[in-house]
Amino acid sequence: MTLKLAENGCIQKFLLSQPESGMGYQEIKLKLRDGREIPNLVVVNAELIEIPDEYGNVMEDDIQAVYFKIV
């Protein structure tokens, strides 16, 4: 499933304030409000996150925290 972040929403604003992992993308981990964590995700242009189907239908409101992969 592809999650499209709200334009000018707080998560998108946060992502835009952080450095890119590469040209146009960021590597992140999400912590959801239900306690689950989704590792090894890529955000494209601080806008699109491809979420594995095994995590179900994740909405932006389900996200509690965004962590960046430190290289």
N, C-alpha and C. Protein backbone atom coordinates (compact mmCIF):
# COMPACT_ATOMS: atom_id res chain seq x y z
N MET A 1 0.84 -1.17 0.00
CA MET A 1 0.00 0.00 0.00
C MET A 1 0.89 1.24 0.00
N THR A 2 0.50 2.24 -0.74
CA THR A 2 1.25 3.49 -0.77
C THR A 2 0.50 4.54 0.05
N LEU A 3 1.17 5.09 1.04
CA LEU A 3 0.59 6.14 1.88
C LEU A 3 1.05 7.48 1.33
N LYS A 4 0.09 8.32 0.95
CA LYS A 4 0.41 9.68 0.49
C LYS A 4 0.21 10.61 1.67
N LEU A 5 1.28 11.28 2.07
CA LEU A 5 1.22 12.19 3.21
C LEU A 5 0.48 13.47 2.84
N ALA A 6 -0.22 14.01 3.81
CA ALA A 6 -0.96 15.26 3.60
C ALA A 6 0.02 16.39 3.26
N GLU A 7 -0.32 17.13 2.21
CA GLU A 7 0.52 18.26 1.82
C GLU A 7 0.51 19.30 2.93
N ASN A 8 1.70 19.71 3.33
CA ASN A 8 1.91 20.68 4.41
C ASN A 8 1.45 20.17 5.77
N GLY A 9 1.27 18.84 5.91
CA GLY A 9 0.94 18.26 7.20
C GLY A 9 2.18 18.21 8.09
N CYS A 10 1.99 17.92 9.37
CA CYS A 10 3.12 17.97 10.30
C CYS A 10 4.19 16.93 9.97
N ILE A 11 3.81 15.74 9.49
CA ILE A 11 4.82 14.73 9.16
C ILE A 11 5.61 15.17 7.93
N GLN A 12 4.92 15.68 6.92
CA GLN A 12 5.62 16.14 5.72
C GLN A 12 6.55 17.31 6.05
N LYS A 13 6.10 18.23 6.86
CA LYS A 13 6.95 19.36 7.24
C LYS A 13 8.19 18.88 7.98
N PHE A 14 8.02 17.89 8.87
CA PHE A 14 9.15 17.32 9.58
C PHE A 14 10.13 16.67 8.61
N LEU A 15 9.63 15.86 7.68
CA LEU A 15 10.50 15.19 6.71
C LEU A 15 11.26 16.20 5.86
N LEU A 16 10.60 17.26 5.46
CA LEU A 16 11.26 18.28 4.64
C LEU A 16 12.36 19.01 5.40
N SER A 17 12.28 19.01 6.72
CA SER A 17 13.30 19.69 7.53
C SER A 17 14.53 18.81 7.79
N GLN A 18 14.46 17.54 7.35
CA GLN A 18 15.54 16.59 7.60
C GLN A 18 16.32 16.31 6.31
N PRO A 19 17.58 15.88 6.45
CA PRO A 19 18.37 15.59 5.24
C PRO A 19 17.87 14.34 4.52
N GLU A 20 18.15 14.28 3.24
CA GLU A 20 17.80 13.12 2.43
C GLU A 20 18.83 12.03 2.63
N SER A 21 18.41 10.78 2.48
CA SER A 21 19.32 9.64 2.51
C SER A 21 20.02 9.51 1.16
N GLY A 22 19.35 9.95 0.13
CA GLY A 22 19.85 9.94 -1.24
C GLY A 22 19.02 10.94 -2.03
N MET A 23 19.22 10.95 -3.33
CA MET A 23 18.55 11.94 -4.17
C MET A 23 17.03 11.74 -4.16
N GLY A 24 16.31 12.57 -3.40
CA GLY A 24 14.86 12.55 -3.40
C GLY A 24 14.20 11.53 -2.49
N TYR A 25 14.97 10.88 -1.62
CA TYR A 25 14.35 9.91 -0.72
C TYR A 25 14.99 9.93 0.66
N GLN A 26 14.24 9.39 1.62
CA GLN A 26 14.71 9.25 3.00
C GLN A 26 14.39 7.83 3.47
N GLU A 27 15.33 7.23 4.20
CA GLU A 27 15.11 5.90 4.78
C GLU A 27 14.66 6.09 6.22
N ILE A 28 13.51 5.49 6.56
CA ILE A 28 12.92 5.72 7.88
C ILE A 28 12.39 4.42 8.50
N LYS A 29 12.00 4.55 9.76
CA LYS A 29 11.22 3.53 10.47
C LYS A 29 10.04 4.27 11.07
N LEU A 30 8.86 3.66 11.02
CA LEU A 30 7.68 4.26 11.62
C LEU A 30 7.31 3.54 12.89
N LYS A 31 6.88 4.29 13.89
CA LYS A 31 6.26 3.71 15.08
C LYS A 31 4.79 4.11 15.03
N LEU A 32 3.93 3.10 15.12
CA LEU A 32 2.50 3.35 15.04
C LEU A 32 1.90 3.50 16.44
N ARG A 33 0.77 4.14 16.51
CA ARG A 33 0.09 4.37 17.80
C ARG A 33 -0.29 3.08 18.51
N ASP A 34 -0.46 1.97 17.76
CA ASP A 34 -0.81 0.69 18.38
C ASP A 34 0.42 -0.06 18.88
N GLY A 35 1.61 0.57 18.78
CA GLY A 35 2.84 -0.03 19.30
C GLY A 35 3.68 -0.75 18.27
N ARG A 36 3.11 -1.04 17.10
CA ARG A 36 3.90 -1.72 16.07
C ARG A 36 4.93 -0.76 15.47
N GLU A 37 6.03 -1.35 15.00
CA GLU A 37 7.06 -0.58 14.29
C GLU A 37 7.21 -1.16 12.89
N ILE A 38 7.40 -0.29 11.92
CA ILE A 38 7.61 -0.71 10.54
C ILE A 38 8.99 -0.22 10.12
N PRO A 39 9.97 -1.13 10.05
CA PRO A 39 11.34 -0.73 9.71
C PRO A 39 11.57 -0.69 8.20
N ASN A 40 12.71 -0.12 7.83
CA ASN A 40 13.22 -0.18 6.45
C ASN A 40 12.24 0.35 5.41
N LEU A 41 11.71 1.53 5.67
CA LEU A 41 10.81 2.17 4.71
C LEU A 41 11.54 3.28 3.97
N VAL A 42 11.05 3.58 2.79
CA VAL A 42 11.60 4.67 1.99
C VAL A 42 10.47 5.68 1.74
N VAL A 43 10.77 6.94 2.01
CA VAL A 43 9.84 8.03 1.70
C VAL A 43 10.39 8.74 0.46
N VAL A 44 9.56 8.89 -0.55
CA VAL A 44 9.97 9.55 -1.79
C VAL A 44 9.44 10.98 -1.77
N ASN A 45 10.35 11.92 -1.94
CA ASN A 45 10.01 13.35 -2.02
C ASN A 45 9.17 13.84 -0.83
N ALA A 46 9.41 13.28 0.34
CA ALA A 46 8.67 13.65 1.57
C ALA A 46 7.16 13.58 1.35
N GLU A 47 6.74 12.62 0.50
CA GLU A 47 5.34 12.57 0.11
C GLU A 47 4.75 11.17 0.11
N LEU A 48 5.49 10.18 -0.39
CA LEU A 48 4.96 8.83 -0.57
C LEU A 48 5.76 7.81 0.24
N ILE A 49 5.05 6.95 0.98
CA ILE A 49 5.68 5.87 1.74
C ILE A 49 5.04 4.56 1.29
N GLU A 50 5.85 3.62 0.83
CA GLU A 50 5.34 2.30 0.45
C GLU A 50 5.35 1.42 1.69
N ILE A 51 4.17 1.02 2.15
CA ILE A 51 4.03 0.23 3.37
C ILE A 51 3.70 -1.21 2.98
N PRO A 52 4.47 -2.18 3.50
CA PRO A 52 4.19 -3.59 3.17
C PRO A 52 2.75 -3.98 3.54
N ASP A 53 2.14 -4.81 2.71
CA ASP A 53 0.75 -5.22 2.91
C ASP A 53 0.51 -5.88 4.26
N GLU A 54 1.53 -6.53 4.81
CA GLU A 54 1.36 -7.25 6.09
C GLU A 54 0.98 -6.32 7.25
N TYR A 55 1.18 -5.01 7.09
CA TYR A 55 0.84 -4.05 8.14
C TYR A 55 -0.57 -3.50 7.99
N GLY A 56 -1.27 -3.92 6.96
CA GLY A 56 -2.64 -3.48 6.77
C GLY A 56 -2.73 -2.07 6.22
N ASN A 57 -3.89 -1.48 6.40
CA ASN A 57 -4.16 -0.15 5.87
C ASN A 57 -3.72 0.91 6.89
N VAL A 58 -2.50 1.38 6.78
CA VAL A 58 -1.95 2.38 7.70
C VAL A 58 -2.28 3.77 7.17
N MET A 59 -2.86 4.58 8.05
CA MET A 59 -3.19 5.96 7.69
C MET A 59 -2.22 6.90 8.40
N GLU A 60 -2.14 8.12 7.93
CA GLU A 60 -1.22 9.09 8.52
C GLU A 60 -1.50 9.31 10.01
N ASP A 61 -2.77 9.28 10.40
CA ASP A 61 -3.14 9.46 11.81
C ASP A 61 -2.66 8.31 12.70
N ASP A 62 -2.32 7.16 12.10
CA ASP A 62 -1.83 6.00 12.86
C ASP A 62 -0.37 6.15 13.26
N ILE A 63 0.34 7.12 12.67
CA ILE A 63 1.78 7.28 12.91
C ILE A 63 2.02 8.08 14.19
N GLN A 64 2.80 7.48 15.08
CA GLN A 64 3.17 8.15 16.33
C GLN A 64 4.52 8.83 16.21
N ALA A 65 5.48 8.17 15.52
CA ALA A 65 6.83 8.73 15.42
C ALA A 65 7.50 8.27 14.13
N VAL A 66 8.43 9.10 13.66
CA VAL A 66 9.25 8.79 12.49
C VAL A 66 10.70 8.80 12.93
N TYR A 67 11.41 7.71 12.64
CA TYR A 67 12.83 7.60 12.98
C TYR A 67 13.64 7.49 11.70
N PHE A 68 14.78 8.15 11.67
CA PHE A 68 15.64 8.11 10.50
C PHE A 68 16.73 7.07 10.66
N LYS A 69 17.04 6.41 9.56
CA LYS A 69 18.13 5.44 9.54
C LYS A 69 19.44 6.21 9.56
N ILE A 70 20.28 5.90 10.53
CA ILE A 70 21.59 6.54 10.64
C ILE A 70 22.61 5.65 9.93
N VAL A 71 23.29 6.24 8.98
CA VAL A 71 24.27 5.47 8.20
C VAL A 71 25.66 5.74 8.71
